[in-house]
Amino acid sequence: LRIIHRDLKTSNILLDSDMNAKISDFGLA
C-alpha cells in the first residue's frame, strides 16, 4: 500500500533496545 503518514514527528519515532528507530502512530495516515 502507498501510505502517507501525515503526522511524522519526533514523538512518533520510537526506539528499541538497540536504539533502532521505529515509526509509530498511523492515526492520521
PDB file of all heavy atoms in Angstrom:
ATOM      1  N   LEU A   1       0.850  -1.188   0.000  1.00  0.00           N
ATOM      2  CA  LEU A   1       0.000   0.000   0.000  1.00  0.00           C
ATOM      3  C   LEU A   1       0.886   1.240   0.000  1.00  0.00           C
ATOM      4  O   LEU A   1       1.937   1.231   0.616  1.00  0.00           O
ATOM      5  CB  LEU A   1      -0.888   0.019   1.248  1.00  0.00           C
ATOM      6  CG  LEU A   1      -1.698  -1.244   1.533  1.00  0.00           C
ATOM      7  CD1 LEU A   1      -2.299  -1.169   2.923  1.00  0.00           C
ATOM      8  CD2 LEU A   1      -2.786  -1.434   0.497  1.00  0.00           C
ATOM      9  N   ARG A   2       0.470   2.276  -0.706  1.00  0.00           N
ATOM     10  CA  ARG A   2       1.214   3.529  -0.651  1.00  0.00           C
ATOM     11  C   ARG A   2       0.610   4.382   0.464  1.00  0.00           C
ATOM     12  O   ARG A   2      -0.514   4.841   0.364  1.00  0.00           O
ATOM     13  CB  ARG A   2       1.148   4.274  -1.978  1.00  0.00           C
ATOM     14  CG  ARG A   2       2.098   5.478  -2.033  1.00  0.00           C
ATOM     15  CD  ARG A   2       1.882   6.301  -3.270  1.00  0.00           C
ATOM     16  NE  ARG A   2       1.979   5.495  -4.472  1.00  0.00           N
ATOM     17  CZ  ARG A   2       1.581   5.913  -5.675  1.00  0.00           C
ATOM     18  NH1 ARG A   2       1.058   7.107  -5.827  1.00  0.00           N
ATOM     19  NH2 ARG A   2       1.680   5.135  -6.721  1.00  0.00           N
ATOM     20  N   ILE A   3       1.363   4.555   1.545  1.00  0.00           N
ATOM     21  CA  ILE A   3       0.854   5.192   2.745  1.00  0.00           C
ATOM     22  C   ILE A   3       1.460   6.584   2.916  1.00  0.00           C
ATOM     23  O   ILE A   3       2.672   6.757   2.810  1.00  0.00           O
ATOM     24  CB  ILE A   3       1.178   4.352   4.004  1.00  0.00           C
ATOM     25  CG1 ILE A   3       0.689   2.908   3.825  1.00  0.00           C
ATOM     26  CG2 ILE A   3       0.565   4.984   5.242  1.00  0.00           C
ATOM     27  CD1 ILE A   3      -0.787   2.763   3.697  1.00  0.00           C
ATOM     28  N   ILE A   4       0.616   7.563   3.187  1.00  0.00           N
ATOM     29  CA  ILE A   4       1.060   8.896   3.579  1.00  0.00           C
ATOM     30  C   ILE A   4       0.823   9.007   5.086  1.00  0.00           C
ATOM     31  O   ILE A   4      -0.322   8.921   5.543  1.00  0.00           O
ATOM     32  CB  ILE A   4       0.269  10.008   2.852  1.00  0.00           C
ATOM     33  CG1 ILE A   4       0.177   9.721   1.341  1.00  0.00           C
ATOM     34  CG2 ILE A   4       0.916  11.360   3.124  1.00  0.00           C
ATOM     35  CD1 ILE A   4       1.489   9.618   0.645  1.00  0.00           C
ATOM     36  N   HIS A   5       1.876   9.186   5.871  1.00  0.00           N
ATOM     37  CA  HIS A   5       1.757   9.150   7.326  1.00  0.00           C
ATOM     38  C   HIS A   5       1.000  10.362   7.864  1.00  0.00           C
ATOM     39  O   HIS A   5       0.132  10.255   8.713  1.00  0.00           O
ATOM     40  CB  HIS A   5       3.149   9.083   7.970  1.00  0.00           C
ATOM     41  CG  HIS A   5       3.131   8.804   9.433  1.00  0.00           C
ATOM     42  ND1 HIS A   5       2.843   9.773  10.374  1.00  0.00           N
ATOM     43  CD2 HIS A   5       3.361   7.665  10.135  1.00  0.00           C
ATOM     44  CE1 HIS A   5       2.899   9.249  11.579  1.00  0.00           C
ATOM     45  NE2 HIS A   5       3.206   7.971  11.464  1.00  0.00           N
ATOM     46  N   ARG A   6       1.372  11.556   7.463  1.00  0.00           N
ATOM     47  CA  ARG A   6       0.711  12.835   7.787  1.00  0.00           C
ATOM     48  C   ARG A   6       0.958  13.353   9.206  1.00  0.00           C
ATOM     49  O   ARG A   6       0.548  14.468   9.515  1.00  0.00           O
ATOM     50  CB  ARG A   6      -0.792  12.770   7.531  1.00  0.00           C
ATOM     51  CG  ARG A   6      -1.181  12.651   6.077  1.00  0.00           C
ATOM     52  CD  ARG A   6      -2.541  13.226   5.812  1.00  0.00           C
ATOM     53  NE  ARG A   6      -3.566  12.663   6.683  1.00  0.00           N
ATOM     54  CZ  ARG A   6      -4.731  13.232   6.891  1.00  0.00           C
ATOM     55  NH1 ARG A   6      -5.026  14.388   6.322  1.00  0.00           N
ATOM     56  NH2 ARG A   6      -5.623  12.666   7.683  1.00  0.00           N
ATOM     57  N   ASP A   7       1.594  12.563  10.068  1.00  0.00           N
ATOM     58  CA  ASP A   7       1.872  13.089  11.416  1.00  0.00           C
ATOM     59  C   ASP A   7       3.242  12.618  11.889  1.00  0.00           C
ATOM     60  O   ASP A   7       3.413  12.208  13.034  1.00  0.00           O
ATOM     61  CB  ASP A   7       0.790  12.647  12.395  1.00  0.00           C
ATOM     62  CG  ASP A   7       0.813  13.484  13.680  1.00  0.00           C
ATOM     63  OD1 ASP A   7       1.330  14.622  13.639  1.00  0.00           O
ATOM     64  OD2 ASP A   7       0.335  13.001  14.712  1.00  0.00           O
ATOM     65  N   LEU A   8       4.212  12.701  10.992  1.00  0.00           N
ATOM     66  CA  LEU A   8       5.567  12.281  11.331  1.00  0.00           C
ATOM     67  C   LEU A   8       6.236  13.349  12.194  1.00  0.00           C
ATOM     68  O   LEU A   8       6.291  14.518  11.815  1.00  0.00           O
ATOM     69  CB  LEU A   8       6.367  12.074  10.041  1.00  0.00           C
ATOM     70  CG  LEU A   8       7.595  11.180  10.122  1.00  0.00           C
ATOM     71  CD1 LEU A   8       7.194   9.745  10.418  1.00  0.00           C
ATOM     72  CD2 LEU A   8       8.375  11.239   8.815  1.00  0.00           C
ATOM     73  N   LYS A   9       6.708  12.969  13.376  1.00  0.00           N
ATOM     74  CA  LYS A   9       7.364  13.891  14.297  1.00  0.00           C
ATOM     75  C   LYS A   9       8.210  13.083  15.261  1.00  0.00           C
ATOM     76  O   LYS A   9       8.123  11.849  15.314  1.00  0.00           O
ATOM     77  CB  LYS A   9       6.325  14.721  15.053  1.00  0.00           C
ATOM     78  CG  LYS A   9       5.283  13.883  15.795  1.00  0.00           C
ATOM     79  CD  LYS A   9       4.206  14.768  16.389  1.00  0.00           C
ATOM     80  CE  LYS A   9       3.115  13.942  17.076  1.00  0.00           C
ATOM     81  NZ  LYS A   9       2.038  14.777  17.617  1.00  0.00           N
ATOM     82  N   THR A  10       9.047  13.759  16.031  1.00  0.00           N
ATOM     83  CA  THR A  10       9.998  13.052  16.898  1.00  0.00           C
ATOM     84  C   THR A  10       9.302  12.214  17.956  1.00  0.00           C
ATOM     85  O   THR A  10       9.810  11.159  18.340  1.00  0.00           O
ATOM     86  CB  THR A  10      10.941  14.057  17.581  1.00  0.00           C
ATOM     87  OG1 THR A  10      10.152  15.072  18.218  1.00  0.00           O
ATOM     88  CG2 THR A  10      11.883  14.696  16.571  1.00  0.00           C
ATOM     89  N   SER A  11       8.133  12.640  18.439  1.00  0.00           N
ATOM     90  CA  SER A  11       7.439  11.851  19.456  1.00  0.00           C
ATOM     91  C   SER A  11       6.804  10.593  18.881  1.00  0.00           C
ATOM     92  O   SER A  11       6.419   9.696  19.629  1.00  0.00           O
ATOM     93  CB  SER A  11       6.367  12.701  20.144  1.00  0.00           C
ATOM     94  OG  SER A  11       5.417  13.163  19.205  1.00  0.00           O
ATOM     95  N   ASN A  12       6.696  10.512  17.555  1.00  0.00           N
ATOM     96  CA  ASN A  12       6.175   9.312  16.910  1.00  0.00           C
ATOM     97  C   ASN A  12       7.286   8.410  16.382  1.00  0.00           C
ATOM     98  O   ASN A  12       7.009   7.475  15.638  1.00  0.00           O
ATOM     99  CB  ASN A  12       5.235   9.693  15.762  1.00  0.00           C
ATOM    100  CG  ASN A  12       3.883  10.146  16.246  1.00  0.00           C
ATOM    101  OD1 ASN A  12       3.505   9.862  17.385  1.00  0.00           O
ATOM    102  ND2 ASN A  12       3.150  10.866  15.417  1.00  0.00           N
ATOM    103  N   ILE A  13       8.518   8.717  16.746  1.00  0.00           N
ATOM    104  CA  ILE A  13       9.651   7.849  16.413  1.00  0.00           C
ATOM    105  C   ILE A  13      10.060   7.139  17.702  1.00  0.00           C
ATOM    106  O   ILE A  13      10.626   7.755  18.605  1.00  0.00           O
ATOM    107  CB  ILE A  13      10.839   8.650  15.832  1.00  0.00           C
ATOM    108  CG1 ILE A  13      10.375   9.514  14.657  1.00  0.00           C
ATOM    109  CG2 ILE A  13      11.960   7.704  15.443  1.00  0.00           C
ATOM    110  CD1 ILE A  13       9.749   8.755  13.516  1.00  0.00           C
ATOM    111  N   LEU A  14       9.772   5.857  17.783  1.00  0.00           N
ATOM    112  CA  LEU A  14      10.095   5.082  18.974  1.00  0.00           C
ATOM    113  C   LEU A  14      11.429   4.369  18.783  1.00  0.00           C
ATOM    114  O   LEU A  14      11.857   4.101  17.652  1.00  0.00           O
ATOM    115  CB  LEU A  14       8.988   4.078  19.280  1.00  0.00           C
ATOM    116  CG  LEU A  14       7.577   4.662  19.421  1.00  0.00           C
ATOM    117  CD1 LEU A  14       6.594   3.587  19.861  1.00  0.00           C
ATOM    118  CD2 LEU A  14       7.557   5.836  20.389  1.00  0.00           C
ATOM    119  N   LEU A  15      12.090   4.045  19.906  1.00  0.00           N
ATOM    120  CA  LEU A  15      13.432   3.465  19.873  1.00  0.00           C
ATOM    121  C   LEU A  15      13.440   2.139  20.609  1.00  0.00           C
ATOM    122  O   LEU A  15      12.974   2.051  21.753  1.00  0.00           O
ATOM    123  CB  LEU A  15      14.438   4.430  20.517  1.00  0.00           C
ATOM    124  CG  LEU A  15      14.496   5.845  19.925  1.00  0.00           C
ATOM    125  CD1 LEU A  15      15.423   6.720  20.748  1.00  0.00           C
ATOM    126  CD2 LEU A  15      14.946   5.804  18.470  1.00  0.00           C
ATOM    127  N   ASP A  16      13.975   1.097  19.947  1.00  0.00           N
ATOM    128  CA  ASP A  16      14.035  -0.215  20.590  1.00  0.00           C
ATOM    129  C   ASP A  16      15.258  -0.309  21.492  1.00  0.00           C
ATOM    130  O   ASP A  16      15.955   0.691  21.725  1.00  0.00           O
ATOM    131  CB  ASP A  16      13.996  -1.336  19.553  1.00  0.00           C
ATOM    132  CG  ASP A  16      15.233  -1.388  18.659  1.00  0.00           C
ATOM    133  OD1 ASP A  16      16.241  -0.702  18.963  1.00  0.00           O
ATOM    134  OD2 ASP A  16      15.209  -2.122  17.655  1.00  0.00           O
ATOM    135  N   SER A  17      15.561  -1.498  21.975  1.00  0.00           N
ATOM    136  CA  SER A  17      16.657  -1.675  22.933  1.00  0.00           C
ATOM    137  C   SER A  17      18.011  -1.339  22.344  1.00  0.00           C
ATOM    138  O   SER A  17      18.956  -1.014  23.067  1.00  0.00           O
ATOM    139  CB  SER A  17      16.664  -3.112  23.459  1.00  0.00           C
ATOM    140  OG  SER A  17      16.747  -4.028  22.382  1.00  0.00           O
ATOM    141  N   ASP A  18      18.144  -1.428  21.006  1.00  0.00           N
ATOM    142  CA  ASP A  18      19.406  -1.100  20.333  1.00  0.00           C
ATOM    143  C   ASP A  18      19.379   0.293  19.724  1.00  0.00           C
ATOM    144  O   ASP A  18      20.212   0.626  18.877  1.00  0.00           O
ATOM    145  CB  ASP A  18      19.704  -2.139  19.240  1.00  0.00           C
ATOM    146  CG  ASP A  18      19.908  -3.532  19.806  1.00  0.00           C
ATOM    147  OD1 ASP A  18      20.564  -3.648  20.865  1.00  0.00           O
ATOM    148  OD2 ASP A  18      19.401  -4.491  19.206  1.00  0.00           O
ATOM    149  N   MET A  19      18.416   1.098  20.126  1.00  0.00           N
ATOM    150  CA  MET A  19      18.240   2.474  19.635  1.00  0.00           C
ATOM    151  C   MET A  19      17.924   2.534  18.143  1.00  0.00           C
ATOM    152  O   MET A  19      18.228   3.522  17.468  1.00  0.00           O
ATOM    153  CB  MET A  19      19.477   3.334  19.950  1.00  0.00           C
ATOM    154  CG  MET A  19      19.854   3.385  21.412  1.00  0.00           C
ATOM    155  SD  MET A  19      18.529   3.993  22.478  1.00  0.00           S
ATOM    156  CE  MET A  19      18.540   5.745  22.120  1.00  0.00           C
ATOM    157  N   ASN A  20      17.304   1.467  17.621  1.00  0.00           N
ATOM    158  CA  ASN A  20      16.833   1.492  16.241  1.00  0.00           C
ATOM    159  C   ASN A  20      15.504   2.241  16.176  1.00  0.00           C
ATOM    160  O   ASN A  20      14.637   2.058  17.032  1.00  0.00           O
ATOM    161  CB  ASN A  20      16.645   0.068  15.702  1.00  0.00           C
ATOM    162  CG  ASN A  20      17.952  -0.686  15.605  1.00  0.00           C
ATOM    163  OD1 ASN A  20      18.932  -0.173  15.064  1.00  0.00           O
ATOM    164  ND2 ASN A  20      17.985  -1.890  16.138  1.00  0.00           N
ATOM    165  N   ALA A  21      15.348   3.068  15.157  1.00  0.00           N
ATOM    166  CA  ALA A  21      14.146   3.892  15.033  1.00  0.00           C
ATOM    167  C   ALA A  21      12.976   3.098  14.463  1.00  0.00           C
ATOM    168  O   ALA A  21      13.138   2.305  13.533  1.00  0.00           O
ATOM    169  CB  ALA A  21      14.430   5.094  14.143  1.00  0.00           C
ATOM    170  N   LYS A  22      11.787   3.325  15.020  1.00  0.00           N
ATOM    171  CA  LYS A  22      10.563   2.686  14.544  1.00  0.00           C
ATOM    172  C   LYS A  22       9.477   3.761  14.418  1.00  0.00           C
ATOM    173  O   LYS A  22       9.157   4.442  15.388  1.00  0.00           O
ATOM    174  CB  LYS A  22      10.090   1.622  15.530  1.00  0.00           C
ATOM    175  CG  LYS A  22      11.150   0.593  15.916  1.00  0.00           C
ATOM    176  CD  LYS A  22      11.064  -0.639  15.076  1.00  0.00           C
ATOM    177  CE  LYS A  22      12.005  -1.722  15.595  1.00  0.00           C
ATOM    178  NZ  LYS A  22      11.863  -2.972  14.853  1.00  0.00           N
ATOM    179  N   ILE A  23       8.925   3.913  13.229  1.00  0.00           N
ATOM    180  CA  ILE A  23       7.847   4.869  13.016  1.00  0.00           C
ATOM    181  C   ILE A  23       6.563   4.305  13.613  1.00  0.00           C
ATOM    182  O   ILE A  23       6.217   3.144  13.384  1.00  0.00           O
ATOM    183  CB  ILE A  23       7.651   5.156  11.522  1.00  0.00           C
ATOM    184  CG1 ILE A  23       8.937   5.764  10.917  1.00  0.00           C
ATOM    185  CG2 ILE A  23       6.477   6.097  11.289  1.00  0.00           C
ATOM    186  CD1 ILE A  23       8.866   5.943   9.411  1.00  0.00           C
ATOM    187  N   SER A  24       5.849   5.135  14.369  1.00  0.00           N
ATOM    188  CA  SER A  24       4.612   4.682  15.003  1.00  0.00           C
ATOM    189  C   SER A  24       3.488   5.678  14.750  1.00  0.00           C
ATOM    190  O   SER A  24       3.674   6.694  14.083  1.00  0.00           O
ATOM    191  CB  SER A  24       4.830   4.521  16.516  1.00  0.00           C
ATOM    192  OG  SER A  24       4.924   5.796  17.145  1.00  0.00           O
ATOM    193  N   ASP A  25       2.317   5.356  15.316  1.00  0.00           N
ATOM    194  CA  ASP A  25       1.142   6.228  15.335  1.00  0.00           C
ATOM    195  C   ASP A  25       0.672   6.593  13.930  1.00  0.00           C
ATOM    196  O   ASP A  25       0.970   7.660  13.401  1.00  0.00           O
ATOM    197  CB  ASP A  25       1.399   7.487  16.149  1.00  0.00           C
ATOM    198  CG  ASP A  25       0.079   8.121  16.595  1.00  0.00           C
ATOM    199  OD1 ASP A  25      -0.949   7.821  15.960  1.00  0.00           O
ATOM    200  OD2 ASP A  25       0.078   8.896  17.555  1.00  0.00           O
ATOM    201  N   PHE A  26      -0.087   5.678  13.323  1.00  0.00           N
ATOM    202  CA  PHE A  26      -0.629   5.885  11.986  1.00  0.00           C
ATOM    203  C   PHE A  26      -2.067   6.397  12.038  1.00  0.00           C
ATOM    204  O   PHE A  26      -2.857   6.167  11.136  1.00  0.00           O
ATOM    205  CB  PHE A  26      -0.568   4.574  11.190  1.00  0.00           C
ATOM    206  CG  PHE A  26       0.831   4.161  10.848  1.00  0.00           C
ATOM    207  CD1 PHE A  26       1.634   3.515  11.782  1.00  0.00           C
ATOM    208  CD2 PHE A  26       1.366   4.428   9.610  1.00  0.00           C
ATOM    209  CE1 PHE A  26       2.927   3.135  11.479  1.00  0.00           C
ATOM    210  CE2 PHE A  26       2.668   4.058   9.291  1.00  0.00           C
ATOM    211  CZ  PHE A  26       3.447   3.418  10.231  1.00  0.00           C
ATOM    212  N   GLY A  27      -2.398   7.097  13.134  1.00  0.00           N
ATOM    213  CA  GLY A  27      -3.768   7.548  13.325  1.00  0.00           C
ATOM    214  C   GLY A  27      -4.282   8.498  12.268  1.00  0.00           C
ATOM    215  O   GLY A  27      -5.482   8.592  12.056  1.00  0.00           O
ATOM    216  N   LEU A  28      -3.379   9.226  11.586  1.00  0.00           N
ATOM    217  CA  LEU A  28      -3.812  10.180  10.552  1.00  0.00           C
ATOM    218  C   LEU A  28      -3.421   9.736   9.148  1.00  0.00           C
ATOM    219  O   LEU A  28      -3.533  10.510   8.195  1.00  0.00           O
ATOM    220  CB  LEU A  28      -3.204  11.564  10.835  1.00  0.00           C
ATOM    221  CG  LEU A  28      -3.495  12.162  12.210  1.00  0.00           C
ATOM    222  CD1 LEU A  28      -2.838  13.529  12.326  1.00  0.00           C
ATOM    223  CD2 LEU A  28      -4.987  12.263  12.454  1.00  0.00           C
ATOM    224  N   ALA A  29      -2.955   8.481   9.036  1.00  0.00           N
ATOM    225  CA  ALA A  29      -2.410   8.019   7.762  1.00  0.00           C
ATOM    226  C   ALA A  29      -3.495   7.893   6.697  1.00  0.00           C
ATOM    227  O   ALA A  29      -4.672   7.699   6.995  1.00  0.00           O
ATOM    228  CB  ALA A  29      -1.695   6.686   7.947  1.00  0.00           C
TER     229      ALA A  29
END
